[in-house]
PDB file of N, CA and C in Angstrom:
ATOM      1  N   MET A   1      18.416  96.819   5.063  1.00  0.00           N
ATOM      2  CA  MET A   1      18.660  96.344   6.418  1.00  0.00           C
ATOM      3  C   MET A   1      20.061  96.806   6.846  1.00  0.00           C
ATOM      4  N   PRO A   2      20.209  97.336   8.054  1.00  0.00           N
ATOM      5  CA  PRO A   2      21.526  97.768   8.536  1.00  0.00           C
ATOM      6  C   PRO A   2      22.536  96.607   8.568  1.00  0.00           C
ATOM      7  N   VAL A   3      23.799  96.943   8.389  1.00  0.00           N
ATOM      8  CA  VAL A   3      24.862  95.930   8.358  1.00  0.00           C
ATOM      9  C   VAL A   3      24.818  95.061   9.613  1.00  0.00           C
ATOM     10  N   GLU A   4      24.661  95.662  10.773  1.00  0.00           N
ATOM     11  CA  GLU A   4      24.626  94.903  12.030  1.00  0.00           C
ATOM     12  C   GLU A   4      23.539  93.833  11.994  1.00  0.00           C
ATOM     13  N   ASN A   5      22.351  94.191  11.527  1.00  0.00           N
ATOM     14  CA  ASN A   5      21.244  93.229  11.468  1.00  0.00           C
ATOM     15  C   ASN A   5      21.546  92.090  10.496  1.00  0.00           C
ATOM     16  N   VAL A   6      22.172  92.407   9.364  1.00  0.00           N
ATOM     17  CA  VAL A   6      22.532  91.373   8.385  1.00  0.00           C
ATOM     18  C   VAL A   6      23.524  90.395   9.011  1.00  0.00           C
ATOM     19  N   ILE A   7      24.529  90.910   9.708  1.00  0.00           N
ATOM     20  CA  ILE A   7      25.542  90.053  10.331  1.00  0.00           C
ATOM     21  C   ILE A   7      24.921  89.154  11.397  1.00  0.00           C
ATOM     22  N   VAL A   8      24.082  89.713  12.245  1.00  0.00           N
ATOM     23  CA  VAL A   8      23.430  88.917  13.294  1.00  0.00           C
ATOM     24  C   VAL A   8      22.544  87.835  12.672  1.00  0.00           C
ATOM     25  N   LEU A   9      21.773  88.186  11.662  1.00  0.00           N
ATOM     26  CA  LEU A   9      20.923  87.213  10.974  1.00  0.00           C
ATOM     27  C   LEU A   9      21.767  86.099  10.349  1.00  0.00           C
ATOM     28  N   ALA A  10      22.853  86.470   9.707  1.00  0.00           N
ATOM     29  CA  ALA A  10      23.734  85.483   9.076  1.00  0.00           C
ATOM     30  C   ALA A  10      24.344  84.541  10.115  1.00  0.00           C
ATOM     31  N   ILE A  11      24.733  85.077  11.259  1.00  0.00           N
ATOM     32  CA  ILE A  11      25.267  84.235  12.335  1.00  0.00           C
ATOM     33  C   ILE A  11      24.204  83.245  12.796  1.00  0.00           C
ATOM     34  N   ASN A  12      23.007  83.742  13.050  1.00  0.00           N
ATOM     35  CA  ASN A  12      21.933  82.877  13.547  1.00  0.00           C
ATOM     36  C   ASN A  12      21.511  81.813  12.540  1.00  0.00           C
ATOM     37  N   GLN A  13      21.634  82.120  11.244  1.00  0.00           N
ATOM     38  CA  GLN A  13      21.224  81.181  10.195  1.00  0.00           C
ATOM     39  C   GLN A  13      22.401  80.458   9.541  1.00  0.00           C
ATOM     40  N   ARG A  14      23.626  80.725  10.002  1.00  0.00           N
ATOM     41  CA  ARG A  14      24.838  80.141   9.409  1.00  0.00           C
ATOM     42  C   ARG A  14      24.856  80.360   7.895  1.00  0.00           C
ATOM     43  N   ARG A  15      24.906  81.650   7.505  1.00  0.00           N
ATOM     44  CA  ARG A  15      24.873  82.031   6.088  1.00  0.00           C
ATOM     45  C   ARG A  15      26.090  82.855   5.721  1.00  0.00           C
ATOM     46  N   ARG A  16      26.457  82.785   4.444  1.00  0.00           N
ATOM     47  CA  ARG A  16      27.536  83.610   3.893  1.00  0.00           C
ATOM     48  C   ARG A  16      27.057  85.043   3.738  1.00  0.00           C
ATOM     49  N   VAL A  17      28.028  85.964   3.794  1.00  0.00           N
ATOM     50  CA  VAL A  17      27.716  87.381   3.629  1.00  0.00           C
ATOM     51  C   VAL A  17      28.733  88.013   2.677  1.00  0.00           C
ATOM     52  N   ARG A  18      28.236  88.823   1.763  1.00  0.00           N
ATOM     53  CA  ARG A  18      29.097  89.669   0.940  1.00  0.00           C
ATOM     54  C   ARG A  18      29.124  91.025   1.612  1.00  0.00           C
ATOM     55  N   VAL A  19      30.321  91.493   1.949  1.00  0.00           N
ATOM     56  CA  VAL A  19      30.469  92.788   2.605  1.00  0.00           C
ATOM     57  C   VAL A  19      31.354  93.695   1.759  1.00  0.00           C
ATOM     58  N   ILE A  20      31.207  94.994   2.001  1.00  0.00           N
ATOM     59  CA  ILE A  20      32.107  95.985   1.433  1.00  0.00           C
ATOM     60  C   ILE A  20      32.861  96.605   2.601  1.00  0.00           C
ATOM     61  N   ARG A  21      34.183  96.542   2.513  1.00  0.00           N
ATOM     62  CA  ARG A  21      35.046  97.125   3.536  1.00  0.00           C
ATOM     63  C   ARG A  21      36.177  97.846   2.819  1.00  0.00           C
ATOM     64  N   ASP A  22      36.407  99.087   3.166  1.00  0.00           N
ATOM     65  CA  ASP A  22      37.434  99.903   2.504  1.00  0.00           C
ATOM     66  C   ASP A  22      37.247  99.906   0.987  1.00  0.00           C
ATOM     67  N   GLY A  23      35.999  99.913   0.544  1.00  0.00           N
ATOM     68  CA  GLY A  23      35.689  99.957  -0.878  1.00  0.00           C
ATOM     69  C   GLY A  23      35.909  98.652  -1.615  1.00  0.00           C
ATOM     70  N   GLN A  24      36.278  97.600  -0.905  1.00  0.00           N
ATOM     71  CA  GLN A  24      36.568  96.304  -1.517  1.00  0.00           C
ATOM     72  C   GLN A  24      35.536  95.260  -1.088  1.00  0.00           C
ATOM     73  N   GLU A  25      35.157  94.404  -2.032  1.00  0.00           N
ATOM     74  CA  GLU A  25      34.214  93.321  -1.732  1.00  0.00           C
ATOM     75  C   GLU A  25      34.957  92.140  -1.113  1.00  0.00           C
ATOM     76  N   ARG A  26      34.326  91.555  -0.107  1.00  0.00           N
ATOM     77  CA  ARG A  26      34.843  90.357   0.560  1.00  0.00           C
ATOM     78  C   ARG A  26      33.675  89.413   0.795  1.00  0.00           C
ATOM     79  N   VAL A  27      33.938  88.126   0.833  1.00  0.00           N
ATOM     80  CA  VAL A  27      32.922  87.128   1.166  1.00  0.00           C
ATOM     81  C   VAL A  27      33.350  86.480   2.471  1.00  0.00           C
ATOM     82  N   ILE A  28      32.450  86.531   3.448  1.00  0.00           N
ATOM     83  CA  ILE A  28      32.779  86.065   4.793  1.00  0.00           C
ATOM     84  C   ILE A  28      31.694  85.131   5.329  1.00  0.00           C
ATOM     85  N   CYS A  29      32.097  84.352   6.323  1.00  0.00           N
ATOM     86  CA  CYS A  29      31.166  83.593   7.136  1.00  0.00           C
ATOM     87  C   CYS A  29      31.344  84.116   8.562  1.00  0.00           C
ATOM     88  N   PRO A  30      30.405  84.943   9.050  1.00  0.00           N
ATOM     89  CA  PRO A  30      30.559  85.534  10.383  1.00  0.00           C
ATOM     90  C   PRO A  30      30.253  84.514  11.486  1.00  0.00           C
ATOM     91  N   TYR A  31      31.092  84.508  12.511  1.00  0.00           N
ATOM     92  CA  TYR A  31      30.934  83.566  13.623  1.00  0.00           C
ATOM     93  C   TYR A  31      30.528  84.236  14.928  1.00  0.00           C
ATOM     94  N   ARG A  32      31.012  85.456  15.158  1.00  0.00           N
ATOM     95  CA  ARG A  32      30.691  86.149  16.407  1.00  0.00           C
ATOM     96  C   ARG A  32      30.594  87.636  16.136  1.00  0.00           C
ATOM     97  N   ILE A  33      29.729  88.289  16.904  1.00  0.00           N
ATOM     98  CA  ILE A  33      29.654  89.742  16.908  1.00  0.00           C
ATOM     99  C   ILE A  33      29.476  90.169  18.360  1.00  0.00           C
ATOM    100  N   GLY A  34      30.162  91.250  18.716  1.00  0.00           N
ATOM    101  CA  GLY A  34      30.073  91.754  20.082  1.00  0.00           C
ATOM    102  C   GLY A  34      31.186  92.753  20.330  1.00  0.00           C
ATOM    103  N   TRP A  35      31.591  92.895  21.582  1.00  0.00           N
ATOM    104  CA  TRP A  35      32.512  93.947  21.965  1.00  0.00           C
ATOM    105  C   TRP A  35      33.807  93.364  22.532  1.00  0.00           C
ATOM    106  N   SER A  36      34.893  94.029  22.214  1.00  0.00           N
ATOM    107  CA  SER A  36      36.203  93.658  22.747  1.00  0.00           C
ATOM    108  C   SER A  36      36.366  94.247  24.146  1.00  0.00           C
ATOM    109  N   ASN A  37      37.487  93.932  24.787  1.00  0.00           N
ATOM    110  CA  ASN A  37      37.793  94.529  26.098  1.00  0.00           C
ATOM    111  C   ASN A  37      37.906  96.040  26.009  1.00  0.00           C
ATOM    112  N   GLU A  38      38.268  96.543  24.817  1.00  0.00           N
ATOM    113  CA  GLU A  38      38.397  97.989  24.602  1.00  0.00           C
ATOM    114  C   GLU A  38      37.066  98.617  24.187  1.00  0.00           C
ATOM    115  N   ASN A  39      36.001  97.826  24.236  1.00  0.00           N
ATOM    116  CA  ASN A  39      34.647  98.263  23.898  1.00  0.00           C
ATOM    117  C   ASN A  39      34.458  98.572  22.412  1.00  0.00           C
ATOM    118  N   ASN A  40      35.272  97.946  21.551  1.00  0.00           N
ATOM    119  CA  ASN A  40      35.067  98.043  20.102  1.00  0.00           C
ATOM    120  C   ASN A  40      34.017  97.027  19.676  1.00  0.00           C
ATOM    121  N   HIS A  41      33.087  97.446  18.854  1.00  0.00           N
ATOM    122  CA  HIS A  41      32.038  96.551  18.345  1.00  0.00           C
ATOM    123  C   HIS A  41      32.623  95.808  17.147  1.00  0.00           C
ATOM    124  N   ASN A  42      32.957  94.538  17.318  1.00  0.00           N
ATOM    125  CA  ASN A  42      33.708  93.757  16.340  1.00  0.00           C
ATOM    126  C   ASN A  42      32.920  92.594  15.771  1.00  0.00           C
ATOM    127  N   VAL A  43      33.402  92.133  14.606  1.00  0.00           N
ATOM    128  CA  VAL A  43      32.883  90.921  13.959  1.00  0.00           C
ATOM    129  C   VAL A  43      34.057  89.967  13.782  1.00  0.00           C
ATOM    130  N   LEU A  44      33.934  88.768  14.336  1.00  0.00           N
ATOM    131  CA  LEU A  44      34.898  87.700  14.090  1.00  0.00           C
ATOM    132  C   LEU A  44      34.333  86.868  12.957  1.00  0.00           C
ATOM    133  N   HIS A  45      35.106  86.744  11.878  1.00  0.00           N
ATOM    134  CA  HIS A  45      34.592  86.027  10.712  1.00  0.00           C
ATOM    135  C   HIS A  45      35.684  85.235  10.032  1.00  0.00           C
ATOM    136  N   TYR A  46      35.247  84.277   9.229  1.00  0.00           N
ATOM    137  CA  TYR A  46      36.140  83.478   8.417  1.00  0.00           C
ATOM    138  C   TYR A  46      35.977  83.973   6.989  1.00  0.00           C
ATOM    139  N   GLN A  47      37.058  84.496   6.398  1.00  0.00           N
ATOM    140  CA  GLN A  47      36.965  85.062   5.046  1.00  0.00           C
ATOM    141  C   GLN A  47      37.231  83.974   4.018  1.00  0.00           C
ATOM    142  N   ILE A  48      36.334  83.870   3.031  1.00  0.00           N
ATOM    143  CA  ILE A  48      36.466  82.822   2.024  1.00  0.00           C
ATOM    144  C   ILE A  48      36.650  83.355   0.611  1.00  0.00           C
ATOM    145  N   GLY A  49      36.528  84.664   0.430  1.00  0.00           N
ATOM    146  CA  GLY A  49      36.704  85.203  -0.909  1.00  0.00           C
ATOM    147  C   GLY A  49      36.821  86.709  -0.909  1.00  0.00           C
ATOM    148  N   GLY A  50      37.141  87.234  -2.083  1.00  0.00           N
ATOM    149  CA  GLY A  50      37.247  88.669  -2.255  1.00  0.00           C
ATOM    150  C   GLY A  50      38.605  89.197  -1.854  1.00  0.00           C
ATOM    151  N   TYR A  51      38.678  90.502  -1.686  1.00  0.00           N
ATOM    152  CA  TYR A  51      39.933  91.185  -1.399  1.00  0.00           C
ATOM    153  C   TYR A  51      40.425  90.899   0.016  1.00  0.00           C
ATOM    154  N   SER A  52      41.718  90.728   0.139  1.00  0.00           N
ATOM    155  CA  SER A  52      42.366  90.632   1.446  1.00  0.00           C
ATOM    156  C   SER A  52      43.757  91.231   1.315  1.00  0.00           C
ATOM    157  N   ALA A  53      44.072  92.232   2.122  1.00  0.00           N
ATOM    158  CA  ALA A  53      45.378  92.896   2.048  1.00  0.00           C
ATOM    159  C   ALA A  53      46.518  91.910   2.282  1.00  0.00           C
ATOM    160  N   ARG A  54      46.310  90.940   3.144  1.00  0.00           N
ATOM    161  CA  ARG A  54      47.379  89.966   3.418  1.00  0.00           C
ATOM    162  C   ARG A  54      47.199  88.665   2.646  1.00  0.00           C
ATOM    163  N   GLY A  55      46.177  88.607   1.806  1.00  0.00           N
ATOM    164  CA  GLY A  55      45.933  87.417   0.994  1.00  0.00           C
ATOM    165  C   GLY A  55      45.189  86.340   1.755  1.00  0.00           C
ATOM    166  N   LEU A  56      44.569  85.455   1.016  1.00  0.00           N
ATOM    167  CA  LEU A  56      43.838  84.344   1.615  1.00  0.00           C
ATOM    168  C   LEU A  56      44.606  83.048   1.386  1.00  0.00           C
ATOM    169  N   ARG A  57      44.568  82.187   2.349  1.00  0.00           N
ATOM    170  CA  ARG A  57      45.154  80.848   2.236  1.00  0.00           C
ATOM    171  C   ARG A  57      44.096  79.912   1.664  1.00  0.00           C
ATOM    172  N   ALA A  58      44.459  78.646   1.506  1.00  0.00           N
ATOM    173  CA  ALA A  58      43.527  77.641   1.000  1.00  0.00           C
ATOM    174  C   ALA A  58      42.314  77.558   1.920  1.00  0.00           C
ATOM    175  N   LEU A  59      41.159  77.272   1.331  1.00  0.00           N
ATOM    176  CA  LEU A  59      39.933  77.113   2.104  1.00  0.00           C
ATOM    177  C   LEU A  59      40.149  76.061   3.183  1.00  0.00           C
ATOM    178  N   GLY A  60      39.789  76.395   4.405  1.00  0.00           N
ATOM    179  CA  GLY A  60      39.989  75.500   5.535  1.00  0.00           C
ATOM    180  C   GLY A  60      41.164  75.898   6.408  1.00  0.00           C
ATOM    181  N   SER A  61      42.018  76.811   5.915  1.00  0.00           N
ATOM    182  CA  SER A  61      43.170  77.261   6.682  1.00  0.00           C
ATOM    183  C   SER A  61      42.739  78.164   7.831  1.00  0.00           C
ATOM    184  N   SER A  62      43.346  77.961   8.975  1.00  0.00           N
ATOM    185  CA  SER A  62      43.069  78.815  10.136  1.00  0.00           C
ATOM    186  C   SER A  62      43.562  80.241   9.926  1.00  0.00           C
ATOM    187  N   ALA A  63      44.406  80.460   8.917  1.00  0.00           N
ATOM    188  CA  ALA A  63      44.945  81.794   8.639  1.00  0.00           C
ATOM    189  C   ALA A  63      43.892  82.732   8.047  1.00  0.00           C
ATOM    190  N   ASN A  64      42.717  82.232   7.712  1.00  0.00           N
ATOM    191  CA  ASN A  64      41.674  83.067   7.100  1.00  0.00           C
ATOM    192  C   ASN A  64      40.708  83.677   8.113  1.00  0.00           C
ATOM    193  N   TRP A  65      40.967  83.497   9.418  1.00  0.00           N
ATOM    194  CA  TRP A  65      40.171  84.179  10.439  1.00  0.00           C
ATOM    195  C   TRP A  65      40.484  85.662  10.369  1.00  0.00           C
ATOM    196  N   ARG A  66      39.457  86.482  10.533  1.00  0.00           N
ATOM    197  CA  ARG A  66      39.625  87.933  10.550  1.00  0.00           C
ATOM    198  C   ARG A  66      38.770  88.524  11.668  1.00  0.00           C
ATOM    199  N   CYS A  67      39.226  89.650  12.199  1.00  0.00           N
ATOM    200  CA  CYS A  67      38.480  90.413  13.190  1.00  0.00           C
ATOM    201  C   CYS A  67      38.457  91.848  12.703  1.00  0.00           C
ATOM    202  N   HIS A  68      37.260  92.387  12.471  1.00  0.00           N
ATOM    203  CA  HIS A  68      37.143  93.766  11.996  1.00  0.00           C
ATOM    204  C   HIS A  68      36.069  94.508  12.784  1.00  0.00           C
ATOM    205  N   PRO A  69      36.250  95.813  12.942  1.00  0.00           N
ATOM    206  CA  PRO A  69      35.193  96.616  13.573  1.00  0.00           C
ATOM    207  C   PRO A  69      33.938  96.583  12.702  1.00  0.00           C
ATOM    208  N   LEU A  70      32.806  96.444  13.343  1.00  0.00           N
ATOM    209  CA  LEU A  70      31.539  96.419  12.619  1.00  0.00           C
ATOM    210  C   LEU A  70      31.383  97.643  11.731  1.00  0.00           C
ATOM    211  N   ASP A  71      31.761  98.803  12.238  1.00  0.00           N
ATOM    212  CA  ASP A  71      31.546 100.025  11.458  1.00  0.00           C
ATOM    213  C   ASP A  71      32.495 100.173  10.271  1.00  0.00           C
ATOM    214  N   SER A  72      33.430  99.226  10.089  1.00  0.00           N
ATOM    215  CA  SER A  72      34.290  99.256   8.901  1.00  0.00           C
ATOM    216  C   SER A  72      33.599  98.644   7.688  1.00  0.00           C
ATOM    217  N   PHE A  73      32.468  97.964   7.919  1.00  0.00           N
ATOM    218  CA  PHE A  73      31.679  97.402   6.814  1.00  0.00           C
ATOM    219  C   PHE A  73      30.630  98.430   6.399  1.00  0.00           C
ATOM    220  N   THR A  74      30.662  98.847   5.144  1.00  0.00           N
ATOM    221  CA  THR A  74      29.717  99.856   4.677  1.00  0.00           C
ATOM    222  C   THR A  74      28.478  99.246   4.043  1.00  0.00           C
ATOM    223  N   ALA A  75      28.521  97.962   3.706  1.00  0.00           N
ATOM    224  CA  ALA A  75      27.369  97.265   3.129  1.00  0.00           C
ATOM    225  C   ALA A  75      27.511  95.779   3.426  1.00  0.00           C
ATOM    226  N   ALA A  76      26.373  95.098   3.503  1.00  0.00           N
ATOM    227  CA  ALA A  76      26.377  93.652   3.734  1.00  0.00           C
ATOM    228  C   ALA A  76      25.099  93.053   3.187  1.00  0.00           C
ATOM    229  N   GLU A  77      25.240  91.873   2.567  1.00  0.00           N
ATOM    230  CA  GLU A  77      24.065  91.138   2.111  1.00  0.00           C
ATOM    231  C   GLU A  77      24.324  89.645   2.228  1.00  0.00           C
ATOM    232  N   ILE A  78      23.317  88.920   2.646  1.00  0.00           N
ATOM    233  CA  ILE A  78      23.406  87.470   2.734  1.00  0.00           C
ATOM    234  C   ILE A  78      23.369  86.908   1.316  1.00  0.00           C
ATOM    235  N   ILE A  79      24.251  85.932   1.050  1.00  0.00           N
ATOM    236  CA  ILE A  79      24.321  85.319  -0.277  1.00  0.00           C
ATOM    237  C   ILE A  79      24.248  83.802  -0.153  1.00  0.00           C
ATOM    238  N   ASP A  80      24.000  83.145  -1.277  1.00  0.00           N
ATOM    239  CA  ASP A  80      23.942  81.686  -1.297  1.00  0.00           C
ATOM    240  C   ASP A  80      25.337  81.087  -1.210  1.00  0.00           C
ATOM    241  N   GLY A  81      25.404  79.876  -0.724  1.00  0.00           N
ATOM    242  CA  GLY A  81      26.657  79.139  -0.619  1.00  0.00           C
ATOM    243  C   GLY A  81      26.796  78.518   0.752  1.00  0.00           C
ATOM    244  N   ASP A  82      27.653  77.514   0.829  1.00  0.00           N
ATOM    245  CA  ASP A  82      27.884  76.824   2.092  1.00  0.00           C
ATOM    246  C   ASP A  82      28.551  77.741   3.107  1.00  0.00           C
ATOM    247  N   PHE A  83      28.175  77.585   4.355  1.00  0.00           N
ATOM    248  CA  PHE A  83      28.817  78.280   5.459  1.00  0.00           C
ATOM    249  C   PHE A  83      30.109  77.525   5.748  1.00  0.00           C
ATOM    250  N   VAL A  84      31.234  78.210   5.725  1.00  0.00           N
ATOM    251  CA  VAL A  84      32.549  77.566   5.771  1.00  0.00           C
ATOM    252  C   VAL A  84      33.332  78.045   6.982  1.00  0.00           C
ATOM    253  N   GLY A  85      34.192  77.183   7.454  1.00  0.00           N
ATOM    254  CA  GLY A  85      35.095  77.540   8.533  1.00  0.00           C
ATOM    255  C   GLY A  85      36.389  76.773   8.387  1.00  0.00           C
ATOM    256  N   PRO A  86      37.309  76.964   9.316  1.00  0.00           N
ATOM    257  CA  PRO A  86      38.588  76.262   9.231  1.00  0.00           C
ATOM    258  C   PRO A  86      38.427  74.774   9.496  1.00  0.00           C
ATOM    259  N   THR A  87      39.375  74.006   8.986  1.00  0.00           N
ATOM    260  CA  THR A  87      39.365  72.559   9.198  1.00  0.00           C
ATOM    261  C   THR A  87      39.541  72.240  10.677  1.00  0.00           C
ATOM    262  N   VAL A  88      40.412  72.998  11.343  1.00  0.00           N
ATOM    263  CA  VAL A  88      40.656  72.820  12.775  1.00  0.00           C
ATOM    264  C   VAL A  88      40.029  74.000  13.506  1.00  0.00           C
ATOM    265  N   ARG A  89      39.160  73.700  14.438  1.00  0.00           N
ATOM    266  CA  ARG A  89      38.508  74.772  15.195  1.00  0.00           C
ATOM    267  C   ARG A  89      39.490  75.426  16.158  1.00  0.00           C
ATOM    268  N   PRO A  90      39.322  76.729  16.391  1.00  0.00           N
ATOM    269  CA  PRO A  90      40.212  77.400  17.353  1.00  0.00           C
ATOM    270  C   PRO A  90      39.986  76.868  18.759  1.00  0.00           C
ATOM    271  N   ARG A  91      41.067  76.857  19.551  1.00  0.00           N
ATOM    272  CA  ARG A  91      40.961  76.363  20.920  1.00  0.00           C
ATOM    273  C   ARG A  91      40.297  77.374  21.843  1.00  0.00           C
ATOM    274  N   THR A  92      40.408  78.646  21.488  1.00  0.00           N
ATOM    275  CA  THR A  92      39.787  79.693  22.299  1.00  0.00           C
ATOM    276  C   THR A  92      39.000  80.626  21.393  1.00  0.00           C
ATOM    277  N   ARG A  93      38.187  81.438  21.996  1.00  0.00           N
ATOM    278  CA  ARG A  93      37.413  82.420  21.242  1.00  0.00           C
ATOM    279  C   ARG A  93      38.238  83.668  20.952  1.00  0.00           C
ATOM    280  N   GLY A  94      39.361  83.839  21.618  1.00  0.00           N
ATOM    281  CA  GLY A  94      40.229  84.985  21.372  1.00  0.00           C
ATOM    282  C   GLY A  94      39.721  86.261  22.014  1.00  0.00           C
ATOM    283  N   ASN A  95      40.326  87.378  21.621  1.00  0.00           N
ATOM    284  CA  ASN A  95      40.028  88.672  22.225  1.00  0.00           C
ATOM    285  C   ASN A  95      39.182  89.576  21.344  1.00  0.00           C
ATOM    286  N   CYS A  96      38.890  89.154  20.135  1.00  0.00           N
ATOM    287  CA  CYS A  96      38.119  89.989  19.204  1.00  0.00           C
ATOM    288  C   CYS A  96      36.757  90.346  19.796  1.00  0.00           C
ATOM    289  N   VAL A  97      36.079  89.355  20.323  1.00  0.00           N
ATOM    290  CA  VAL A  97      34.749  89.541  20.930  1.00  0.00           C
ATOM    291  C   VAL A  97      34.766  88.853  22.295  1.00  0.00           C
ATOM    292  N   VAL A  98      34.661  89.654  23.344  1.00  0.00           N
ATOM    293  CA  VAL A  98      34.615  89.088  24.693  1.00  0.00           C
ATOM    294  C   VAL A  98      33.240  89.264  25.336  1.00  0.00           C
ATOM    295  N   ARG A  99      32.493  90.294  24.912  1.00  0.00           N
ATOM    296  CA  ARG A  99      31.107  90.469  25.353  1.00  0.00           C
ATOM    297  C   ARG A  99      30.232  90.197  24.137  1.00  0.00           C
ATOM    298  N   LEU A 100      29.508  89.133  24.202  1.00  0.00           N
ATOM    299  CA  LEU A 100      28.812  88.559  23.061  1.00  0.00           C
ATOM    300  C   LEU A 100      27.464  89.209  22.771  1.00  0.00           C
ATOM    301  N   GLN A 101      27.243  89.471  21.483  1.00  0.00           N
ATOM    302  CA  GLN A 101      25.928  89.879  20.992  1.00  0.00           C
ATOM    303  C   GLN A 101      25.259  88.686  20.299  1.00  0.00           C
ATOM    304  N   ALA A 102      26.023  87.974  19.465  1.00  0.00           N
ATOM    305  CA  ALA A 102      25.529  86.766  18.793  1.00  0.00           C
ATOM    306  C   ALA A 102      26.723  85.886  18.445  1.00  0.00           C
ATOM    307  N   GLU A 103      26.468  84.567  18.390  1.00  0.00           N
ATOM    308  CA  GLU A 103      27.517  83.603  18.092  1.00  0.00           C
ATOM    309  C   GLU A 103      26.899  82.396  17.388  1.00  0.00           C
ATOM    310  N   VAL A 104      27.628  81.821  16.437  1.00  0.00           N
ATOM    311  CA  VAL A 104      27.168  80.611  15.766  1.00  0.00           C
ATOM    312  C   VAL A 104      26.952  79.538  16.821  1.00  0.00           C
ATOM    313  N   ALA A 105      25.779  78.935  16.837  1.00  0.00           N
ATOM    314  CA  ALA A 105      25.434  77.919  17.834  1.00  0.00           C
ATOM    315  C   ALA A 105      26.286  76.662  17.649  1.00  0.00           C
ATOM    316  N   ASN A 106      26.709  76.103  18.765  1.00  0.00           N
ATOM    317  CA  ASN A 106      27.404  74.815  18.814  1.00  0.00           C
ATOM    318  C   ASN A 106      28.704  74.779  18.028  1.00  0.00           C
ATOM    319  N   TYR A 107      29.381  75.906  17.880  1.00  0.00           N
ATOM    320  CA  TYR A 107      30.650  75.882  17.169  1.00  0.00           C
ATOM    321  C   TYR A 107      31.816  75.683  18.122  1.00  0.00           C
ATOM    322  N   TYR A 108      31.805  76.381  19.242  1.00  0.00           N
ATOM    323  CA  TYR A 108      32.920  76.290  20.182  1.00  0.00           C
ATOM    324  C   TYR A 108      32.674  75.236  21.224  1.00  0.00           C
TER     325      TYR A 108
END
């Protein structure tokens, strides 16, 4: 299944995803997919495991939000585990995705 389809399915089902980005494995909970104002096809996600160039904070920290271009993920698969997010929800959706393709229901 193409990466885009896996991400959309995971968003709709509130599921964890193991992705490969820059040759490194990461575990994410995707919240939104769509396009930025610059027309980049992006994924807004909460990273809960795996590699992170800037490191990960404690689970529940708002510092674990990430925005990456969809095409930077070379592989994706849905995995078992709780769907996780920050303890405090963001006040805005931000600029990562402004034209929506899919979004976790009832989160914002």
